[in-house]
Amino acid sequence: MAFYSFTNAASNFNSKTGHMHKCSAPAENCSNGCALKGEGCYAMNFPMALQWARQQAGEAPTSVTWSGLLAACRYVPRGEAIRVWEAGDFPMLEDGTIDVQSVLQMKNAVRGKRAFGYTHHNKLFPAFNAAVSLCREDGFAINVSVDGTEYYLEAVMDAGLPAVIAVSSAETRRQWRTAGGYRVRVCPNHTHKSVQCNRCMLCHTRPRDLAIAFPAHGTRYKAANKALQARSNASPVAQEHCAHPQGSDQLAAHQPRSPVGAA
């Protein structure tokens, strides 16, 4: 059985997020397309790695099944902020692509809340694009995460989807424009520690031409920098598994099936 985690805002506070409801998912949900998987992922830093391990073993007080997580999110009062996937990702199908039905289930569970989340399942195809767009219209912002290269950032934003990008810890710019004209802004908490997620909420609501950049951080930032550099050096052709539109025939492949990681 796969275990997720739901932490109520009243018992969840740290210097970055402030008080905010948060969800985590098991590592088995993480996309193989994520450059940071096993290579500097922030969730593998101490002490978060220990907390994540307890959650996945079902030993944490916050451990819940997928259905339990959806129920907990539905119970959150309207208008309150929820961060979806502090660690982990949406359930995925056996072919390694995101389970769109799970995305829509979460959308329904967080309706009326100020919910935002992230996914490294960044291979674009019509059903996924439509689901993320529908979530955005319904007030649930799913930020499609890309690693180290603006080529894929622009592909996601060209598709009209919210995007964030992981960049090197050595990044000194606070904001810039991509070659295609999209704006990029470094996470405000990275430059001003007093700006917490529950006050900022740019990951939930922002102009459609704006992406958020997250510099590598944590005790494994050097490994993250190395992984991001490797992704940046790779040619676009070598990374077809990442953000690239796929044909409409993908729709048929994403009918409801039993996802990996859902229970």
Protein backbone atom coordinates (compact mmCIF):
# COMPACT_ATOMS: atom_id res chain seq x y z
CA MET A 1 0.00 0.00 0.00
CA ALA A 2 1.22 3.48 -0.87
CA PHE A 3 1.17 6.06 1.90
CA TYR A 4 0.80 9.80 1.44
CA SER A 5 0.88 12.51 4.08
CA PHE A 6 -1.42 15.36 5.06
CA THR A 7 -0.31 17.91 7.64
CA ASN A 8 -2.77 20.44 8.98
CA ALA A 9 -1.71 24.10 8.96
CA ALA A 10 -2.12 24.34 12.72
CA SER A 11 0.70 21.84 13.24
CA ASN A 12 2.79 22.82 10.23
CA PHE A 13 5.11 25.79 10.38
CA ASN A 14 8.56 26.46 9.00
CA SER A 15 10.45 29.57 8.04
CA LYS A 16 9.76 29.09 4.33
CA THR A 17 6.06 28.25 4.15
CA GLY A 18 4.64 29.73 7.33
CA HIS A 19 1.42 28.05 8.50
CA MET A 20 0.00 26.08 5.58
CA HIS A 21 -1.68 22.76 4.94
CA LYS A 22 0.67 20.47 3.03
CA CYS A 23 0.65 17.11 1.28
CA SER A 24 3.43 14.69 0.43
CA ALA A 25 3.43 11.65 -1.84
CA PRO A 26 5.56 8.48 -1.99
CA ALA A 27 8.85 8.47 -3.89
CA GLU A 28 7.50 5.80 -6.24
CA ASN A 29 5.36 8.50 -7.84
CA CYS A 30 8.39 10.58 -8.85
CA SER A 31 8.98 10.92 -12.58
CA ASN A 32 12.08 9.34 -14.08
CA GLY A 33 12.32 12.51 -16.15
CA CYS A 34 13.22 14.57 -13.07
CA ALA A 35 16.90 15.53 -13.23
CA LEU A 36 17.05 15.69 -9.42
CA LYS A 37 15.68 12.21 -8.75
CA GLY A 38 18.39 10.68 -6.58
CA GLU A 39 20.67 13.58 -7.53
CA GLY A 40 20.20 16.34 -4.99
CA CYS A 41 16.44 16.27 -4.54
CA TYR A 42 15.52 18.56 -1.64
CA ALA A 43 13.29 15.88 -0.13
CA MET A 44 16.39 13.76 0.44
CA ASN A 45 17.96 16.34 2.74
CA PHE A 46 18.04 15.80 6.50
CA PRO A 47 15.69 15.87 8.39
CA MET A 48 13.05 15.84 5.66
CA ALA A 49 14.34 12.52 4.30
CA LEU A 50 13.62 10.85 7.65
CA GLN A 51 10.12 12.30 7.81
CA TRP A 52 9.45 11.23 4.24
CA ALA A 53 10.65 7.68 4.98
CA ARG A 54 8.33 7.41 8.00
CA GLN A 55 5.41 8.66 5.92
CA GLN A 56 6.02 6.11 3.18
CA ALA A 57 6.27 3.29 5.72
CA GLY A 58 2.90 4.34 7.14
CA GLU A 59 4.54 5.09 10.50
CA ALA A 60 4.02 8.87 10.66
CA PRO A 61 0.98 10.34 12.44
CA THR A 62 0.24 12.14 9.16
CA SER A 63 0.40 9.01 6.95
CA VAL A 64 -2.76 8.42 4.90
CA THR A 65 -3.81 6.46 1.82
CA TRP A 66 -4.70 8.23 -1.42
CA SER A 67 -8.39 8.17 -0.54
CA GLY A 68 -7.58 9.43 2.96
CA LEU A 69 -5.55 12.29 1.50
CA LEU A 70 -8.42 13.36 -0.74
CA ALA A 71 -10.79 13.27 2.24
CA ALA A 72 -8.42 15.41 4.32
CA CYS A 73 -8.12 17.98 1.53
CA ARG A 74 -11.90 18.15 1.14
CA TYR A 75 -12.19 18.89 4.86
CA VAL A 76 -9.96 22.00 4.66
CA PRO A 77 -12.09 25.17 4.98
CA ARG A 78 -12.72 27.14 1.82
CA GLY A 79 -10.17 29.84 1.04
CA GLU A 80 -7.32 28.27 3.01
CA ALA A 81 -3.97 27.53 1.37
CA ILE A 82 -2.82 24.00 0.56
CA ARG A 83 0.57 23.04 -0.82
CA VAL A 84 0.31 19.82 -2.82
CA TRP A 85 3.51 17.74 -2.93
CA GLU A 86 6.08 19.07 -0.55
CA ALA A 87 7.74 15.80 -1.60
CA GLY A 88 6.75 13.26 -4.22
CA ASP A 89 4.32 13.69 -7.09
CA PHE A 90 0.98 12.63 -8.52
CA PRO A 91 0.37 8.91 -9.03
CA MET A 92 1.51 7.58 -12.38
CA LEU A 93 0.49 4.84 -14.76
CA GLU A 94 2.53 1.74 -15.53
CA ASP A 95 4.05 3.44 -18.58
CA GLY A 96 5.56 6.12 -16.32
CA THR A 97 3.24 8.97 -17.32
CA ILE A 98 1.10 10.92 -14.90
CA ASP A 99 -2.32 9.52 -14.04
CA VAL A 100 -4.65 12.24 -15.27
CA GLN A 101 -7.61 10.82 -13.36
CA SER A 102 -5.71 11.32 -10.10
CA VAL A 103 -5.04 14.94 -11.07
CA LEU A 104 -8.76 15.50 -11.55
CA GLN A 105 -9.57 13.74 -8.27
CA MET A 106 -7.25 16.12 -6.44
CA LYS A 107 -8.77 19.08 -8.28
CA ASN A 108 -12.19 18.13 -6.97
CA ALA A 109 -10.85 17.62 -3.44
CA VAL A 110 -9.26 21.08 -3.23
CA ARG A 111 -12.03 23.01 -4.98
CA GLY A 112 -12.67 26.30 -3.21
CA LYS A 113 -9.28 26.30 -1.49
CA ARG A 114 -6.18 28.23 -2.51
CA ALA A 115 -4.34 25.12 -3.62
CA PHE A 116 -1.12 24.91 -5.57
CA GLY A 117 1.25 22.08 -6.35
CA TYR A 118 4.10 20.88 -8.53
CA THR A 119 4.74 17.99 -10.87
CA HIS A 120 7.89 16.77 -12.58
CA HIS A 121 5.75 14.69 -14.91
CA ASN A 122 6.49 17.24 -17.60
CA LYS A 123 5.93 15.22 -20.77
CA LEU A 124 3.17 17.15 -22.45
CA PHE A 125 0.23 15.39 -24.11
CA PRO A 126 -3.35 16.59 -24.76
CA ALA A 127 -5.09 14.92 -21.81
CA PHE A 128 -2.45 16.19 -19.35
CA ASN A 129 -2.46 19.70 -20.82
CA ALA A 130 -6.25 19.84 -20.62
CA ALA A 131 -6.30 18.58 -17.03
CA VAL A 132 -3.72 21.12 -15.82
CA SER A 133 -5.56 23.93 -17.62
CA LEU A 134 -8.87 22.81 -16.11
CA CYS A 135 -7.30 22.76 -12.65
CA ARG A 136 -6.01 26.30 -13.14
CA GLU A 137 -9.46 27.52 -14.16
CA ASP A 138 -10.89 25.84 -11.06
CA GLY A 139 -8.41 27.57 -8.72
CA PHE A 140 -5.87 24.76 -8.35
CA ALA A 141 -2.48 25.75 -9.83
CA ILE A 142 -0.31 22.80 -10.85
CA ASN A 143 3.15 24.10 -11.68
CA VAL A 144 4.93 21.97 -14.26
CA SER A 145 8.56 21.69 -13.13
CA VAL A 146 11.50 21.68 -15.53
CA ASP A 147 15.17 21.41 -14.77
CA GLY A 148 17.91 23.82 -15.70
CA THR A 149 16.99 24.69 -19.28
CA GLU A 150 14.69 27.39 -20.58
CA TYR A 151 14.01 25.42 -23.79
CA TYR A 152 11.58 23.18 -21.88
CA LEU A 153 10.31 26.03 -19.75
CA GLU A 154 9.17 27.78 -22.91
CA ALA A 155 7.60 24.56 -24.25
CA VAL A 156 5.45 24.31 -21.13
CA MET A 157 4.49 27.99 -21.21
CA ASP A 158 3.78 27.85 -24.94
CA ALA A 159 1.22 25.20 -24.04
CA GLY A 160 -0.40 27.71 -21.68
CA LEU A 161 0.56 25.86 -18.48
CA PRO A 162 2.03 27.25 -15.22
CA ALA A 163 5.75 26.53 -15.07
CA VAL A 164 8.59 26.60 -12.57
CA ILE A 165 12.27 25.89 -13.17
CA ALA A 166 15.04 24.54 -10.95
CA VAL A 167 18.28 26.49 -11.44
CA SER A 168 21.81 26.37 -10.04
CA SER A 169 22.51 27.67 -6.56
CA ALA A 170 25.02 29.97 -8.27
CA GLU A 171 22.24 31.89 -10.06
CA THR A 172 22.63 35.58 -9.12
CA ARG A 173 19.80 37.11 -11.17
CA ARG A 174 16.55 37.86 -9.41
CA GLN A 175 14.51 38.14 -12.58
CA TRP A 176 15.05 37.87 -16.32
CA ARG A 177 13.39 37.07 -19.62
CA THR A 178 13.80 33.94 -21.68
CA ALA A 179 14.75 34.09 -25.35
CA GLY A 180 11.06 33.74 -26.17
CA GLY A 181 10.10 36.69 -23.97
CA TYR A 182 8.69 34.92 -20.93
CA ARG A 183 9.47 36.44 -17.55
CA VAL A 184 11.27 34.43 -14.85
CA ARG A 185 11.44 35.48 -11.21
CA VAL A 186 13.40 33.80 -8.45
CA CYS A 187 11.25 32.57 -5.56
CA PRO A 188 10.77 35.61 -3.29
CA ASN A 189 11.64 33.58 -0.20
CA HIS A 190 15.07 32.90 -1.67
CA THR A 191 15.87 36.60 -1.80
CA HIS A 192 13.79 37.80 1.18
CA LYS A 193 13.47 35.22 3.95
CA SER A 194 10.67 37.19 5.56
CA VAL A 195 8.42 36.47 2.56
CA GLN A 196 6.75 33.17 3.37
CA CYS A 197 4.68 30.99 1.03
CA ASN A 198 1.41 31.66 2.85
CA ARG A 199 1.90 35.39 2.22
CA CYS A 200 3.45 35.22 -1.25
CA MET A 201 1.25 32.71 -3.11
CA LEU A 202 2.89 33.40 -6.48
CA CYS A 203 2.86 29.65 -7.06
CA HIS A 204 -0.93 29.91 -6.90
CA THR A 205 -1.71 33.17 -8.67
CA ARG A 206 0.53 35.09 -11.07
CA PRO A 207 0.52 36.48 -14.62
CA ARG A 208 0.51 33.76 -17.27
CA ASP A 209 3.80 34.95 -18.78
CA LEU A 210 5.67 34.58 -15.47
CA ALA A 211 7.59 31.49 -14.31
CA ILE A 212 9.16 30.96 -10.88
CA ALA A 213 12.80 29.86 -10.51
CA PHE A 214 13.99 27.81 -7.54
CA PRO A 215 17.76 27.81 -6.97
CA ALA A 216 19.21 24.53 -5.70
CA HIS A 217 19.41 24.52 -1.92
CA GLY A 218 19.77 22.22 1.03
CA THR A 219 22.69 20.03 2.11
CA ARG A 220 22.82 18.29 -1.29
CA TYR A 221 22.87 21.44 -3.40
CA LYS A 222 26.18 20.50 -5.08
CA ALA A 223 24.68 17.26 -6.40
CA ALA A 224 21.65 19.22 -7.58
CA ASN A 225 23.87 21.74 -9.37
CA LYS A 226 25.68 18.93 -11.16
CA ALA A 227 22.43 17.29 -12.26
CA LEU A 228 21.01 20.59 -13.50
CA GLN A 229 24.16 21.33 -15.47
CA ALA A 230 24.01 17.91 -17.09
CA ARG A 231 20.39 18.53 -18.10
CA SER A 232 21.29 21.95 -19.50
CA ASN A 233 24.13 20.47 -21.53
CA ALA A 234 21.95 17.77 -23.06
CA SER A 235 20.57 18.48 -26.52
CA PRO A 236 16.80 18.96 -26.93
CA VAL A 237 16.68 15.87 -29.17
CA ALA A 238 18.16 13.75 -26.39
CA GLN A 239 15.40 14.83 -24.02
CA GLU A 240 12.26 13.98 -25.95
CA HIS A 241 10.89 12.44 -22.74
CA CYS A 242 10.65 15.93 -21.27
CA ALA A 243 8.30 18.74 -22.11
CA HIS A 244 7.33 18.13 -25.71
CA PRO A 245 3.82 18.06 -27.17
CA GLN A 246 2.68 14.58 -28.12
CA GLY A 247 0.10 13.53 -30.65
CA SER A 248 -3.61 13.32 -29.92
CA ASP A 249 -3.37 9.53 -29.98
CA GLN A 250 -2.03 9.85 -26.41
CA LEU A 251 -5.58 10.56 -25.28
CA ALA A 252 -6.58 6.95 -25.79
CA ALA A 253 -3.65 5.79 -23.68
CA HIS A 254 -4.82 7.81 -20.68
CA GLN A 255 -8.22 6.42 -19.95
CA PRO A 256 -8.87 5.51 -16.29
CA ARG A 257 -6.57 2.70 -15.17
CA SER A 258 -5.13 1.62 -11.86
CA PRO A 259 -2.31 4.09 -11.17
CA VAL A 260 0.93 3.26 -9.47
CA GLY A 261 0.94 4.77 -5.99
CA ALA A 262 -2.81 5.21 -5.48
CA ALA A 263 -4.77 3.20 -2.97
